[in-house]
Amino acid sequence: MSKFHKTAAIALAASTMAVATPASAAIFEYEMTNGDVLTIDTETQVGTWKGSKIDVSFTSPEFANFQGGANPNFSYTLTDMSGTRNIRGTDYTPTRENGSRFHPWMMKTTSNGKINLWSWWGDPVIAGDYVKKVGDYRVVDVPAPGIVGLLALALAALGFGRRRRKIKGAAAA
């Protein structure tokens, strides 16, 4: 076996092992029974909730510990939230204050399979929490950047090897 073929075999084996290892992060998606989609990214610690009446994003360092699951059980304090919720045809932004009353932003599950986005909406406040029932659940694995690089290296090595054999064969003829 030539030195090149050994290198290509090692690169291919490394890329295969890297692809087989678990991803470094995951994105959890929950489709609510009304069609909304809640997404939680454990690496960036950012979540989004998008639907016909809501389009918000929020952050929490606690998302790094999120485990997902079809029936999640959690209560997280949100450090930031932006976007809008449509109430009777008008878009309102999330707020923490209602006069002198403070309402922390949170996201938590309820005992009946619902997820509660805890906030007041509007200034002055028009509505409270946004609560929807989970309908479907899926995990989107996100590969670490190194895995993609190893795979590209292995493919390039294999392509280079094929090219060398063609050139060597043409020179012999």
N, C-alpha and C. Protein backbone atom coordinates (compact mmCIF):
# COMPACT_ATOMS: atom_id res chain seq x y z
N MET A 1 0.86 -1.18 0.00
CA MET A 1 0.00 0.00 0.00
C MET A 1 0.90 1.24 0.00
N SER A 2 0.64 2.17 -0.92
CA SER A 2 1.46 3.37 -1.01
C SER A 2 1.21 4.30 0.17
N LYS A 3 2.14 5.24 0.37
CA LYS A 3 2.01 6.22 1.45
C LYS A 3 0.72 7.03 1.28
N PHE A 4 0.39 7.36 0.03
CA PHE A 4 -0.82 8.13 -0.23
C PHE A 4 -2.06 7.35 0.19
N HIS A 5 -2.10 6.06 -0.20
CA HIS A 5 -3.27 5.24 0.12
C HIS A 5 -3.43 5.08 1.63
N LYS A 6 -2.31 4.97 2.37
CA LYS A 6 -2.38 4.90 3.83
C LYS A 6 -2.96 6.19 4.39
N THR A 7 -2.51 7.33 3.87
CA THR A 7 -3.01 8.63 4.32
C THR A 7 -4.51 8.76 4.04
N ALA A 8 -4.91 8.35 2.85
CA ALA A 8 -6.33 8.43 2.49
C ALA A 8 -7.16 7.52 3.39
N ALA A 9 -6.65 6.31 3.67
CA ALA A 9 -7.38 5.38 4.53
C ALA A 9 -7.51 5.93 5.94
N ILE A 10 -6.44 6.54 6.46
CA ILE A 10 -6.50 7.13 7.81
C ILE A 10 -7.48 8.28 7.84
N ALA A 11 -7.46 9.14 6.82
CA ALA A 11 -8.39 10.27 6.76
C ALA A 11 -9.83 9.79 6.68
N LEU A 12 -10.07 8.75 5.89
CA LEU A 12 -11.42 8.20 5.77
C LEU A 12 -11.88 7.60 7.09
N ALA A 13 -10.99 6.86 7.76
CA ALA A 13 -11.35 6.26 9.05
C ALA A 13 -11.64 7.35 10.08
N ALA A 14 -10.82 8.39 10.10
CA ALA A 14 -11.04 9.48 11.06
C ALA A 14 -12.36 10.18 10.80
N SER A 15 -12.68 10.41 9.53
CA SER A 15 -13.94 11.08 9.23
C SER A 15 -15.12 10.20 9.57
N THR A 16 -15.00 8.89 9.36
CA THR A 16 -16.09 7.97 9.69
C THR A 16 -16.30 7.94 11.19
N MET A 17 -15.21 7.89 11.97
CA MET A 17 -15.35 7.90 13.43
C MET A 17 -15.94 9.21 13.90
N ALA A 18 -15.54 10.33 13.32
CA ALA A 18 -16.05 11.62 13.73
C ALA A 18 -17.53 11.75 13.45
N VAL A 19 -17.97 11.22 12.31
CA VAL A 19 -19.39 11.30 11.98
C VAL A 19 -20.21 10.41 12.90
N ALA A 20 -19.63 9.30 13.36
CA ALA A 20 -20.36 8.37 14.21
C ALA A 20 -20.47 8.86 15.64
N THR A 21 -19.61 9.78 16.08
CA THR A 21 -19.68 10.27 17.44
C THR A 21 -20.87 11.21 17.59
N PRO A 22 -21.40 11.35 18.81
CA PRO A 22 -22.55 12.22 19.01
C PRO A 22 -22.23 13.67 18.68
N ALA A 23 -23.23 14.40 18.28
CA ALA A 23 -23.06 15.82 17.95
C ALA A 23 -22.74 16.60 19.22
N SER A 24 -22.10 17.74 19.04
CA SER A 24 -21.72 18.55 20.19
C SER A 24 -22.88 19.40 20.69
N ALA A 25 -23.92 19.54 19.92
CA ALA A 25 -25.06 20.35 20.33
C ALA A 25 -26.30 19.80 19.67
N ALA A 26 -27.43 20.22 20.18
CA ALA A 26 -28.69 19.78 19.59
C ALA A 26 -29.66 20.94 19.57
N ILE A 27 -30.52 20.92 18.60
CA ILE A 27 -31.63 21.87 18.52
C ILE A 27 -32.90 21.06 18.72
N PHE A 28 -33.67 21.43 19.72
CA PHE A 28 -34.92 20.75 20.03
C PHE A 28 -36.08 21.56 19.46
N GLU A 29 -36.95 20.91 18.72
CA GLU A 29 -38.11 21.59 18.14
C GLU A 29 -39.39 20.96 18.67
N TYR A 30 -40.30 21.82 19.07
CA TYR A 30 -41.62 21.39 19.53
C TYR A 30 -42.66 22.05 18.63
N GLU A 31 -43.47 21.24 18.00
CA GLU A 31 -44.59 21.78 17.23
C GLU A 31 -45.82 21.72 18.12
N MET A 32 -46.42 22.87 18.32
CA MET A 32 -47.59 22.95 19.18
C MET A 32 -48.84 22.52 18.42
N THR A 33 -49.89 22.22 19.14
CA THR A 33 -51.12 21.75 18.49
C THR A 33 -51.75 22.82 17.60
N ASN A 34 -51.41 24.09 17.82
CA ASN A 34 -51.94 25.16 16.96
C ASN A 34 -51.03 25.47 15.77
N GLY A 35 -49.92 24.71 15.60
CA GLY A 35 -49.00 24.93 14.48
C GLY A 35 -47.77 25.76 14.82
N ASP A 36 -47.74 26.41 15.98
CA ASP A 36 -46.55 27.16 16.40
C ASP A 36 -45.36 26.20 16.49
N VAL A 37 -44.14 26.75 16.33
CA VAL A 37 -42.93 25.96 16.51
C VAL A 37 -42.04 26.64 17.53
N LEU A 38 -41.74 25.90 18.61
CA LEU A 38 -40.81 26.34 19.65
C LEU A 38 -39.50 25.63 19.41
N THR A 39 -38.39 26.39 19.36
CA THR A 39 -37.07 25.83 19.13
C THR A 39 -36.15 26.24 20.26
N ILE A 40 -35.39 25.28 20.79
CA ILE A 40 -34.39 25.57 21.83
C ILE A 40 -33.06 25.01 21.36
N ASP A 41 -32.04 25.88 21.27
CA ASP A 41 -30.70 25.51 20.85
C ASP A 41 -29.82 25.47 22.09
N THR A 42 -29.32 24.28 22.44
CA THR A 42 -28.54 24.14 23.68
C THR A 42 -27.15 24.77 23.58
N GLU A 43 -26.60 24.89 22.38
CA GLU A 43 -25.26 25.46 22.25
C GLU A 43 -25.29 26.99 22.33
N THR A 44 -26.17 27.61 21.57
CA THR A 44 -26.24 29.08 21.58
C THR A 44 -27.07 29.61 22.75
N GLN A 45 -27.83 28.71 23.40
CA GLN A 45 -28.70 29.05 24.53
C GLN A 45 -29.77 30.06 24.13
N VAL A 46 -30.24 29.90 22.88
CA VAL A 46 -31.27 30.77 22.32
C VAL A 46 -32.48 29.93 21.97
N GLY A 47 -33.65 30.49 22.19
CA GLY A 47 -34.89 29.84 21.80
C GLY A 47 -35.71 30.78 20.93
N THR A 48 -36.59 30.20 20.12
CA THR A 48 -37.53 31.00 19.33
C THR A 48 -38.90 30.34 19.43
N TRP A 49 -39.93 31.15 19.32
CA TRP A 49 -41.30 30.65 19.27
C TRP A 49 -41.96 31.39 18.12
N LYS A 50 -42.30 30.65 17.06
CA LYS A 50 -42.86 31.26 15.85
C LYS A 50 -44.19 30.62 15.51
N GLY A 51 -45.14 31.47 15.13
CA GLY A 51 -46.45 31.00 14.72
C GLY A 51 -47.24 32.15 14.12
N SER A 52 -48.50 31.92 13.85
CA SER A 52 -49.32 32.96 13.22
C SER A 52 -49.58 34.14 14.15
N LYS A 53 -49.48 33.93 15.48
CA LYS A 53 -49.74 35.02 16.42
C LYS A 53 -48.57 35.36 17.32
N ILE A 54 -47.42 34.74 17.04
CA ILE A 54 -46.24 35.02 17.87
C ILE A 54 -44.97 34.85 17.04
N ASP A 55 -43.99 35.72 17.30
CA ASP A 55 -42.67 35.64 16.66
C ASP A 55 -41.67 36.27 17.63
N VAL A 56 -41.14 35.44 18.55
CA VAL A 56 -40.23 35.95 19.57
C VAL A 56 -38.98 35.10 19.64
N SER A 57 -37.92 35.71 20.14
CA SER A 57 -36.69 34.97 20.46
C SER A 57 -36.30 35.35 21.88
N PHE A 58 -35.60 34.43 22.54
CA PHE A 58 -35.26 34.63 23.95
C PHE A 58 -34.00 33.85 24.27
N THR A 59 -33.32 34.26 25.33
CA THR A 59 -32.09 33.59 25.74
C THR A 59 -32.17 33.19 27.21
N SER A 60 -31.44 32.14 27.53
CA SER A 60 -31.29 31.70 28.92
C SER A 60 -30.07 30.81 29.01
N PRO A 61 -29.16 31.09 29.93
CA PRO A 61 -28.01 30.20 30.10
C PRO A 61 -28.46 28.80 30.55
N GLU A 62 -29.65 28.69 31.10
CA GLU A 62 -30.17 27.39 31.55
C GLU A 62 -30.50 26.46 30.37
N PHE A 63 -30.64 27.01 29.14
CA PHE A 63 -30.91 26.17 27.97
C PHE A 63 -29.75 25.19 27.72
N ALA A 64 -28.54 25.51 28.20
CA ALA A 64 -27.40 24.62 28.01
C ALA A 64 -27.66 23.25 28.65
N ASN A 65 -28.51 23.20 29.65
CA ASN A 65 -28.83 21.96 30.35
C ASN A 65 -30.12 21.31 29.87
N PHE A 66 -30.75 21.87 28.86
CA PHE A 66 -32.04 21.36 28.39
C PHE A 66 -31.88 19.94 27.83
N GLN A 67 -32.73 19.03 28.25
CA GLN A 67 -32.64 17.63 27.84
C GLN A 67 -33.66 17.24 26.77
N GLY A 68 -34.65 18.09 26.52
CA GLY A 68 -35.66 17.77 25.51
C GLY A 68 -36.61 16.70 25.99
N GLY A 69 -37.12 15.93 25.04
CA GLY A 69 -38.07 14.87 25.37
C GLY A 69 -39.47 15.24 24.93
N ALA A 70 -40.28 14.24 24.69
CA ALA A 70 -41.65 14.46 24.23
C ALA A 70 -42.51 15.12 25.30
N ASN A 71 -42.19 14.87 26.56
CA ASN A 71 -42.92 15.48 27.68
C ASN A 71 -41.92 16.18 28.59
N PRO A 72 -41.40 17.32 28.17
CA PRO A 72 -40.35 17.98 28.95
C PRO A 72 -40.89 18.50 30.29
N ASN A 73 -40.00 18.64 31.24
CA ASN A 73 -40.35 19.20 32.54
C ASN A 73 -39.24 20.17 32.92
N PHE A 74 -39.52 21.47 32.86
CA PHE A 74 -38.49 22.47 33.15
C PHE A 74 -39.14 23.78 33.59
N SER A 75 -38.31 24.63 34.15
CA SER A 75 -38.68 26.00 34.49
C SER A 75 -37.41 26.83 34.38
N TYR A 76 -37.33 27.70 33.35
CA TYR A 76 -36.14 28.48 33.08
C TYR A 76 -36.45 29.97 33.13
N THR A 77 -35.54 30.73 33.74
CA THR A 77 -35.64 32.18 33.71
C THR A 77 -34.97 32.67 32.44
N LEU A 78 -35.65 33.55 31.72
CA LEU A 78 -35.12 34.10 30.47
C LEU A 78 -34.39 35.40 30.76
N THR A 79 -33.21 35.57 30.18
CA THR A 79 -32.43 36.79 30.42
C THR A 79 -32.76 37.88 29.41
N ASP A 80 -33.33 37.49 28.27
CA ASP A 80 -33.66 38.46 27.24
C ASP A 80 -34.82 37.91 26.41
N MET A 81 -35.69 38.79 25.93
CA MET A 81 -36.75 38.38 25.03
C MET A 81 -37.10 39.55 24.13
N SER A 82 -37.25 39.25 22.83
CA SER A 82 -37.64 40.28 21.87
C SER A 82 -38.58 39.66 20.84
N GLY A 83 -39.31 40.51 20.17
CA GLY A 83 -40.24 40.05 19.15
C GLY A 83 -41.64 40.56 19.44
N THR A 84 -42.63 39.89 18.85
CA THR A 84 -44.02 40.35 19.00
C THR A 84 -44.99 39.19 19.18
N ARG A 85 -46.10 39.53 19.79
CA ARG A 85 -47.25 38.64 19.90
C ARG A 85 -48.46 39.42 19.38
N ASN A 86 -49.22 38.78 18.49
CA ASN A 86 -50.38 39.44 17.91
C ASN A 86 -51.61 39.14 18.75
N ILE A 87 -52.24 40.20 19.23
CA ILE A 87 -53.45 40.08 20.05
C ILE A 87 -54.54 40.92 19.40
N ARG A 88 -55.58 40.25 18.95
CA ARG A 88 -56.71 40.91 18.28
C ARG A 88 -56.25 41.84 17.15
N GLY A 89 -55.29 41.36 16.32
CA GLY A 89 -54.86 42.10 15.14
C GLY A 89 -53.77 43.13 15.37
N THR A 90 -53.29 43.29 16.60
CA THR A 90 -52.24 44.26 16.90
C THR A 90 -51.03 43.53 17.49
N ASP A 91 -49.82 43.91 17.05
CA ASP A 91 -48.60 43.31 17.58
C ASP A 91 -48.15 44.05 18.83
N TYR A 92 -47.78 43.26 19.86
CA TYR A 92 -47.30 43.81 21.13
C TYR A 92 -45.97 43.17 21.47
N THR A 93 -45.09 43.93 22.12
CA THR A 93 -43.78 43.41 22.54
C THR A 93 -43.87 42.93 23.99
N PRO A 94 -42.96 42.02 24.38
CA PRO A 94 -42.97 41.54 25.76
C PRO A 94 -42.45 42.60 26.72
N THR A 95 -42.99 42.60 27.92
CA THR A 95 -42.55 43.54 28.94
C THR A 95 -42.50 42.84 30.29
N ARG A 96 -41.69 43.39 31.19
CA ARG A 96 -41.58 42.84 32.55
C ARG A 96 -42.32 43.69 33.57
N GLU A 97 -42.67 44.89 33.19
CA GLU A 97 -43.24 45.83 34.15
C GLU A 97 -44.71 46.11 33.85
N ASN A 98 -45.50 46.20 34.90
CA ASN A 98 -46.89 46.64 34.82
C ASN A 98 -47.10 47.61 35.96
N GLY A 99 -46.84 48.88 35.67
CA GLY A 99 -46.84 49.87 36.74
C GLY A 99 -45.68 49.55 37.67
N SER A 100 -45.94 49.31 38.94
CA SER A 100 -44.90 49.00 39.91
C SER A 100 -44.71 47.48 40.08
N ARG A 101 -45.49 46.68 39.36
CA ARG A 101 -45.38 45.22 39.48
C ARG A 101 -44.39 44.67 38.45
N PHE A 102 -43.54 43.77 38.91
CA PHE A 102 -42.51 43.16 38.06
C PHE A 102 -42.92 41.72 37.75
N HIS A 103 -42.70 41.29 36.52
CA HIS A 103 -43.04 39.93 36.06
C HIS A 103 -41.83 39.39 35.32
N PRO A 104 -41.03 38.50 35.94
CA PRO A 104 -39.84 37.99 35.23
C PRO A 104 -40.25 37.19 34.00
N TRP A 105 -39.40 37.22 33.00
CA TRP A 105 -39.63 36.39 31.82
C TRP A 105 -39.20 34.97 32.17
N MET A 106 -40.06 34.02 31.89
CA MET A 106 -39.76 32.62 32.16
C MET A 106 -40.38 31.75 31.08
N MET A 107 -39.89 30.51 31.02
CA MET A 107 -40.54 29.50 30.20
C MET A 107 -40.58 28.26 31.07
N LYS A 108 -41.77 27.69 31.18
CA LYS A 108 -41.90 26.50 32.01
C LYS A 108 -43.01 25.61 31.50
N THR A 109 -42.95 24.37 31.91
CA THR A 109 -43.98 23.42 31.53
C THR A 109 -45.08 23.42 32.57
N THR A 110 -46.26 22.99 32.13
CA THR A 110 -47.39 22.85 33.05
C THR A 110 -47.66 21.36 33.23
N SER A 111 -48.52 21.03 34.16
CA SER A 111 -48.79 19.62 34.46
C SER A 111 -49.60 18.93 33.36
N ASN A 112 -50.19 19.67 32.45
CA ASN A 112 -51.03 19.06 31.41
C ASN A 112 -50.40 19.11 30.01
N GLY A 113 -49.06 19.06 29.92
CA GLY A 113 -48.38 18.97 28.63
C GLY A 113 -48.29 20.26 27.86
N LYS A 114 -48.46 21.38 28.54
CA LYS A 114 -48.36 22.68 27.88
C LYS A 114 -47.05 23.36 28.25
N ILE A 115 -46.64 24.31 27.39
CA ILE A 115 -45.48 25.14 27.68
C ILE A 115 -45.96 26.57 27.80
N ASN A 116 -45.53 27.22 28.89
CA ASN A 116 -45.96 28.56 29.24
C ASN A 116 -44.81 29.53 29.03
N LEU A 117 -44.98 30.49 28.12
CA LEU A 117 -44.03 31.59 27.93
C LEU A 117 -44.53 32.72 28.83
N TRP A 118 -43.86 32.90 29.94
CA TRP A 118 -44.31 33.77 31.02
C TRP A 118 -43.87 35.21 30.75
N SER A 119 -44.81 36.07 30.40
CA SER A 119 -44.51 37.47 30.14
C SER A 119 -45.79 38.28 30.15
N TRP A 120 -45.64 39.57 30.29
CA TRP A 120 -46.72 40.49 29.99
C TRP A 120 -46.46 41.02 28.59
N TRP A 121 -47.52 41.43 27.90
CA TRP A 121 -47.40 41.91 26.52
C TRP A 121 -48.03 43.28 26.41
N GLY A 122 -47.26 44.23 25.85
CA GLY A 122 -47.75 45.59 25.61
C GLY A 122 -47.35 46.54 26.73
N ASP A 123 -47.43 47.83 26.43
CA ASP A 123 -47.15 48.88 27.41
C ASP A 123 -48.10 50.04 27.14
N PRO A 124 -49.21 50.13 27.84
CA PRO A 124 -49.59 49.36 29.02
C PRO A 124 -49.90 47.90 28.67
N VAL A 125 -49.89 47.04 29.68
CA VAL A 125 -50.08 45.60 29.50
C VAL A 125 -51.46 45.30 28.94
N ILE A 126 -51.49 44.52 27.85
CA ILE A 126 -52.72 44.11 27.18
C ILE A 126 -53.08 42.67 27.52
N ALA A 127 -52.04 41.80 27.66
CA ALA A 127 -52.29 40.38 27.90
C ALA A 127 -51.15 39.79 28.72
N GLY A 128 -51.38 38.57 29.19
CA GLY A 128 -50.38 37.86 29.99
C GLY A 128 -49.74 36.71 29.23
N ASP A 129 -49.42 35.67 29.96
CA ASP A 129 -48.66 34.53 29.46
C ASP A 129 -49.21 33.96 28.16
N TYR A 130 -48.31 33.35 27.39
CA TYR A 130 -48.66 32.66 26.15
C TYR A 130 -48.47 31.17 26.41
N VAL A 131 -49.55 30.40 26.41
CA VAL A 131 -49.53 28.99 26.79
C VAL A 131 -50.10 28.15 25.66
N LYS A 132 -49.33 27.14 25.21
CA LYS A 132 -49.79 26.24 24.14
C LYS A 132 -49.40 24.82 24.47
N LYS A 133 -50.15 23.87 23.93
CA LYS A 133 -49.93 22.44 24.17
C LYS A 133 -48.98 21.86 23.12
N VAL A 134 -48.06 21.01 23.58
CA VAL A 134 -47.11 20.33 22.70
C VAL A 134 -47.85 19.30 21.87
N GLY A 135 -47.61 19.31 20.56
CA GLY A 135 -48.21 18.33 19.67
C GLY A 135 -47.19 17.34 19.14
N ASP A 136 -45.98 17.81 18.78
CA ASP A 136 -44.96 16.95 18.20
C ASP A 136 -43.59 17.42 18.68
N TYR A 137 -42.61 16.53 18.61
CA TYR A 137 -41.28 16.82 19.12
C TYR A 137 -40.23 16.19 18.22
N ARG A 138 -39.12 16.90 17.99
CA ARG A 138 -38.02 16.34 17.20
C ARG A 138 -36.69 16.99 17.63
N VAL A 139 -35.61 16.26 17.40
CA VAL A 139 -34.27 16.76 17.71
C VAL A 139 -33.52 16.90 16.40
N VAL A 140 -32.86 18.03 16.21
CA VAL A 140 -32.01 18.25 15.04
C VAL A 140 -30.58 18.29 15.56
N ASP A 141 -29.78 17.23 15.25
CA ASP A 141 -28.38 17.21 15.69
C ASP A 141 -27.57 18.17 14.86
N VAL A 142 -26.66 18.86 15.52
CA VAL A 142 -25.79 19.81 14.85
C VAL A 142 -24.36 19.30 15.00
N PRO A 143 -23.69 18.92 13.89
CA PRO A 143 -22.33 18.40 14.02
C PRO A 143 -21.35 19.50 14.42
N ALA A 144 -20.33 19.09 15.14
CA ALA A 144 -19.26 20.03 15.49
C ALA A 144 -18.53 20.43 14.21
N PRO A 145 -18.02 21.66 14.12
CA PRO A 145 -17.35 22.10 12.90
C PRO A 145 -16.18 21.21 12.50
N GLY A 146 -15.48 20.62 13.44
CA GLY A 146 -14.34 19.76 13.13
C GLY A 146 -14.74 18.52 12.35
N ILE A 147 -15.91 18.01 12.60
CA ILE A 147 -16.39 16.83 11.90
C ILE A 147 -16.54 17.12 10.41
N VAL A 148 -17.12 18.25 10.10
CA VAL A 148 -17.31 18.63 8.70
C VAL A 148 -15.96 18.80 8.02
N GLY A 149 -14.99 19.38 8.72
CA GLY A 149 -13.64 19.56 8.16
C GLY A 149 -12.95 18.23 7.88
N LEU A 150 -13.07 17.28 8.81
CA LEU A 150 -12.47 15.96 8.60
C LEU A 150 -13.11 15.25 7.41
N LEU A 151 -14.41 15.37 7.29
CA LEU A 151 -15.09 14.73 6.17
C LEU A 151 -14.61 15.34 4.84
N ALA A 152 -14.48 16.65 4.80
CA ALA A 152 -14.01 17.33 3.59
C ALA A 152 -12.58 16.89 3.26
N LEU A 153 -11.74 16.76 4.28
CA LEU A 153 -10.36 16.31 4.07
C LEU A 153 -10.32 14.90 3.50
N ALA A 154 -11.14 14.02 4.04
CA ALA A 154 -11.17 12.64 3.56
C ALA A 154 -11.63 12.59 2.10
N LEU A 155 -12.65 13.34 1.76
CA LEU A 155 -13.13 13.36 0.38
C LEU A 155 -12.09 13.93 -0.57
N ALA A 156 -11.39 14.98 -0.14
CA ALA A 156 -10.34 15.56 -0.98
C ALA A 156 -9.21 14.56 -1.19
N ALA A 157 -8.82 13.84 -0.14
CA ALA A 157 -7.75 12.84 -0.26
C ALA A 157 -8.14 11.73 -1.23
N LEU A 158 -9.38 11.27 -1.14
CA LEU A 158 -9.83 10.23 -2.05
C LEU A 158 -9.86 10.73 -3.49
N GLY A 159 -10.31 11.94 -3.70
CA GLY A 159 -10.35 12.52 -5.04
C GLY A 159 -8.95 12.71 -5.62
N PHE A 160 -8.01 13.15 -4.78
CA PHE A 160 -6.64 13.33 -5.23
C PHE A 160 -6.03 11.98 -5.61
N GLY A 161 -6.31 10.94 -4.83
CA GLY A 161 -5.80 9.61 -5.13
C GLY A 161 -6.32 9.09 -6.45
N ARG A 162 -7.57 9.32 -6.73
CA ARG A 162 -8.16 8.88 -8.00
C ARG A 162 -7.48 9.60 -9.16
N ARG A 163 -7.21 10.90 -8.98
CA ARG A 163 -6.57 11.69 -10.03
C ARG A 163 -5.16 11.18 -10.31
N ARG A 164 -4.41 10.85 -9.23
CA ARG A 164 -3.03 10.35 -9.40
C ARG A 164 -3.02 9.04 -10.17
N ARG A 165 -4.01 8.17 -9.88
CA ARG A 165 -4.06 6.88 -10.59
C ARG A 165 -4.34 7.11 -12.08
N LYS A 166 -5.21 8.06 -12.41
CA LYS A 166 -5.52 8.34 -13.81
C LYS A 166 -4.30 8.86 -14.54
N ILE A 167 -3.54 9.76 -13.89
CA ILE A 167 -2.35 10.35 -14.50
C ILE A 167 -1.28 9.27 -14.68
N LYS A 168 -1.11 8.43 -13.65
CA LYS A 168 -0.12 7.35 -13.71
C LYS A 168 -0.48 6.36 -14.81
N GLY A 169 -1.75 6.03 -14.95
CA GLY A 169 -2.22 5.10 -15.99
C GLY A 169 -2.03 5.68 -17.38
N ALA A 170 -2.26 6.97 -17.55
CA ALA A 170 -2.11 7.62 -18.84
C ALA A 170 -0.63 7.68 -19.24
N ALA A 171 0.28 7.88 -18.28
CA ALA A 171 1.71 7.95 -18.56
C ALA A 171 2.25 6.58 -18.96
N ALA A 172 1.68 5.49 -18.40
CA ALA A 172 2.14 4.14 -18.70
C ALA A 172 1.69 3.70 -20.09
N ALA A 173 0.61 4.28 -20.59
CA ALA A 173 0.06 3.86 -21.90
C ALA A 173 0.76 4.45 -23.06
